[in-house]
Amino acid sequence: MQSKELSRRTDVIGTHSLADLLDCPAATASLLNDSARNLNFGEGEVVFRQSGICQGLYLIVAGRFLRKSERMPIRLTLGQVYAGELEELAAVLGGGRHNYTLSAQTQGSVLLLPIEALNQAFQSYPPLRMQLLEELAREVSRAYSACQMSCTIPSRHPHSGAAQA
């Protein structure tokens, strides 16, 4: 059943071209399509590690993945990633190193758009870089909003000193 679900989700992503997903001209999409590599991962396998050199942009095709980060002695779980999500916009558009570790929680697949092809696409169609920067800004804004929500919603604790009825 797992491989049937994987196949179904791959078909859903596969029905959309990169031109649709990335909103770029067909020639730029062809460049990215021709260079894209499909990578399969088993449960627990690492897609990339924090601080490693970024190989490109990752489009989750199927499965469930988990982002984790280590900052000094603290390990943080940054959240789950699902089919249709782009990963490592910041590394592709910025310093070129991974900001977190991405691991498969279930069997899954990822489409890798290599950094060399992305750089060629940015040269042939400069608005693509701006579109990805805008998406990164939305991603940061969503994360900030989620953080604000978790900080402002008081948690209920059974021993908080509230009067019992």
Protein backbone atom coordinates (compact mmCIF):
# COMPACT_ATOMS: atom_id res chain seq x y z
CA MET A 1 0.00 0.00 0.00
CA GLN A 2 2.85 2.41 0.76
CA SER A 3 4.27 2.11 -2.77
CA LYS A 4 0.77 2.65 -4.21
CA GLU A 5 0.42 5.89 -2.19
CA LEU A 6 3.92 6.97 -3.23
CA SER A 7 3.05 6.37 -6.87
CA ARG A 8 -0.23 8.33 -6.58
CA ARG A 9 1.49 11.36 -5.01
CA THR A 10 4.28 11.24 -7.60
CA ASP A 11 1.62 11.29 -10.33
CA VAL A 12 -0.05 14.35 -8.77
CA ILE A 13 3.23 16.33 -8.76
CA GLY A 14 4.21 14.89 -12.13
CA THR A 15 1.09 16.28 -13.82
CA HIS A 16 2.37 19.83 -13.28
CA SER A 17 5.38 21.05 -15.21
CA LEU A 18 8.16 22.99 -13.55
CA ALA A 19 7.02 25.97 -15.63
CA ASP A 20 3.72 25.85 -13.70
CA LEU A 21 5.30 25.20 -10.31
CA LEU A 22 8.02 27.83 -10.64
CA ASP A 23 6.14 30.27 -12.91
CA CYS A 24 8.85 30.52 -15.55
CA PRO A 25 8.99 30.33 -19.35
CA ALA A 26 9.01 26.94 -21.04
CA ALA A 27 12.68 27.26 -22.09
CA THR A 28 13.76 27.86 -18.49
CA ALA A 29 11.55 25.02 -17.28
CA SER A 30 13.08 22.72 -19.91
CA LEU A 31 16.55 23.59 -18.64
CA LEU A 32 15.49 22.68 -15.10
CA ASN A 33 13.51 19.59 -16.18
CA ASP A 34 16.46 18.24 -18.14
CA SER A 35 18.82 18.61 -15.18
CA ALA A 36 16.40 17.49 -12.43
CA ARG A 37 17.16 14.25 -10.60
CA ASN A 38 14.61 12.12 -8.78
CA LEU A 39 16.00 10.80 -5.49
CA ASN A 40 14.30 8.11 -3.42
CA PHE A 41 14.70 7.80 0.35
CA GLY A 42 13.79 5.17 2.88
CA GLU A 43 12.53 5.88 6.37
CA GLY A 44 15.27 7.53 8.45
CA GLU A 45 17.57 8.34 5.53
CA VAL A 46 19.11 11.82 5.40
CA VAL A 47 18.48 13.95 2.32
CA PHE A 48 21.05 16.57 3.37
CA ARG A 49 22.87 17.64 6.53
CA GLN A 50 23.06 21.01 8.20
CA SER A 51 26.19 23.01 7.24
CA GLY A 52 26.80 20.82 4.19
CA ILE A 53 27.18 22.44 0.79
CA CYS A 54 23.79 22.90 -0.85
CA GLN A 55 23.42 20.87 -4.05
CA GLY A 56 20.28 22.65 -5.22
CA LEU A 57 16.59 23.18 -4.61
CA TYR A 58 14.57 20.21 -3.36
CA LEU A 59 10.95 19.66 -4.35
CA ILE A 60 9.25 17.08 -2.15
CA VAL A 61 7.41 14.70 -4.47
CA ALA A 62 6.13 12.08 -2.03
CA GLY A 63 6.48 11.04 1.58
CA ARG A 64 6.91 12.87 4.85
CA PHE A 65 10.21 14.48 5.82
CA LEU A 66 11.44 16.20 8.97
CA ARG A 67 13.58 19.32 9.39
CA LYS A 68 15.96 19.42 12.37
CA SER A 69 18.57 21.94 13.38
CA GLU A 70 21.42 21.98 15.87
CA ARG A 71 22.44 25.28 17.40
CA MET A 72 25.23 24.93 19.93
CA PRO A 73 24.05 22.35 22.49
CA ILE A 74 20.38 22.61 21.44
CA ARG A 75 18.63 20.37 18.93
CA LEU A 76 15.46 21.78 17.42
CA THR A 77 12.74 20.08 15.43
CA LEU A 78 11.67 22.64 12.85
CA GLY A 79 8.69 20.76 11.46
CA GLN A 80 7.47 18.28 8.92
CA VAL A 81 7.63 18.68 5.15
CA TYR A 82 5.16 17.20 2.66
CA ALA A 83 4.70 16.71 -1.08
CA GLY A 84 4.72 19.92 -3.07
CA GLU A 85 7.00 21.89 -0.75
CA LEU A 86 10.26 23.48 -1.90
CA GLU A 87 13.20 23.10 0.45
CA GLU A 88 16.38 25.10 0.91
CA LEU A 89 15.42 28.35 -0.73
CA ALA A 90 17.66 30.18 1.75
CA ALA A 91 20.70 28.03 0.95
CA VAL A 92 20.17 28.33 -2.82
CA LEU A 93 19.64 32.09 -2.69
CA GLY A 94 22.11 32.81 0.10
CA GLY A 95 25.27 31.34 1.49
CA GLY A 96 25.16 27.96 -0.20
CA ARG A 97 25.21 25.88 3.01
CA HIS A 98 22.30 23.92 4.44
CA ASN A 99 20.57 25.59 7.37
CA TYR A 100 19.13 22.36 8.78
CA THR A 101 19.11 18.59 8.29
CA LEU A 102 16.31 17.01 6.27
CA SER A 103 15.47 13.34 6.90
CA ALA A 104 12.79 11.02 5.57
CA GLN A 105 10.19 10.02 8.14
CA THR A 106 8.54 7.69 5.64
CA GLN A 107 9.53 6.27 2.29
CA GLY A 108 9.56 9.19 -0.12
CA SER A 109 11.07 10.90 -3.10
CA VAL A 110 12.53 14.30 -3.83
CA LEU A 111 13.20 16.11 -7.09
CA LEU A 112 16.59 17.84 -6.94
CA LEU A 113 17.07 20.90 -9.15
CA PRO A 114 20.87 21.20 -9.23
CA ILE A 115 22.41 24.53 -8.26
CA GLU A 116 24.27 24.81 -11.59
CA ALA A 117 21.01 24.57 -13.55
CA LEU A 118 19.33 27.03 -11.18
CA ASN A 119 22.14 29.54 -11.71
CA GLN A 120 21.72 29.16 -15.49
CA ALA A 121 17.95 29.62 -15.09
CA PHE A 122 18.51 32.78 -13.02
CA GLN A 123 20.71 34.16 -15.83
CA SER A 124 18.28 33.28 -18.62
CA TYR A 125 15.19 34.39 -16.67
CA PRO A 126 16.12 36.84 -13.85
CA PRO A 127 12.54 37.16 -12.47
CA LEU A 128 12.82 33.55 -11.26
CA ARG A 129 15.31 34.59 -8.55
CA MET A 130 12.91 37.32 -7.37
CA GLN A 131 9.98 34.88 -7.32
CA LEU A 132 12.00 32.50 -5.15
CA LEU A 133 13.04 35.38 -2.88
CA GLU A 134 9.37 36.31 -2.50
CA GLU A 135 8.54 32.70 -1.61
CA LEU A 136 11.36 32.69 0.95
CA ALA A 137 9.95 35.90 2.47
CA ARG A 138 6.50 34.27 2.74
CA GLU A 139 8.08 31.20 4.34
CA VAL A 140 9.88 33.35 6.93
CA SER A 141 6.70 35.32 7.59
CA ARG A 142 4.70 32.10 8.14
CA ALA A 143 7.35 30.80 10.54
CA TYR A 144 7.40 34.10 12.43
CA SER A 145 3.60 34.11 12.71
CA ALA A 146 3.59 30.51 13.94
CA CYS A 147 6.22 31.39 16.54
CA GLN A 148 4.24 34.44 17.68
CA MET A 149 1.09 32.33 18.01
CA SER A 150 2.83 29.73 20.13
CA CYS A 151 4.31 32.47 22.36
CA THR A 152 1.02 34.32 22.92
CA ILE A 153 -1.32 31.40 23.51
CA PRO A 154 -1.15 30.53 27.20
CA SER A 155 -0.72 26.86 27.88
CA ARG A 156 -2.99 25.12 30.33
CA HIS A 157 -1.21 23.26 33.02
CA PRO A 158 -3.06 21.23 35.64
CA HIS A 159 -0.90 22.68 38.44
CA SER A 160 -1.02 26.32 37.38
CA GLY A 161 -2.51 27.49 40.64
CA ALA A 162 -6.05 27.90 39.29
CA ALA A 163 -8.85 27.30 41.75
CA GLN A 164 -10.37 23.88 41.46
CA ALA A 165 -14.13 23.45 41.45
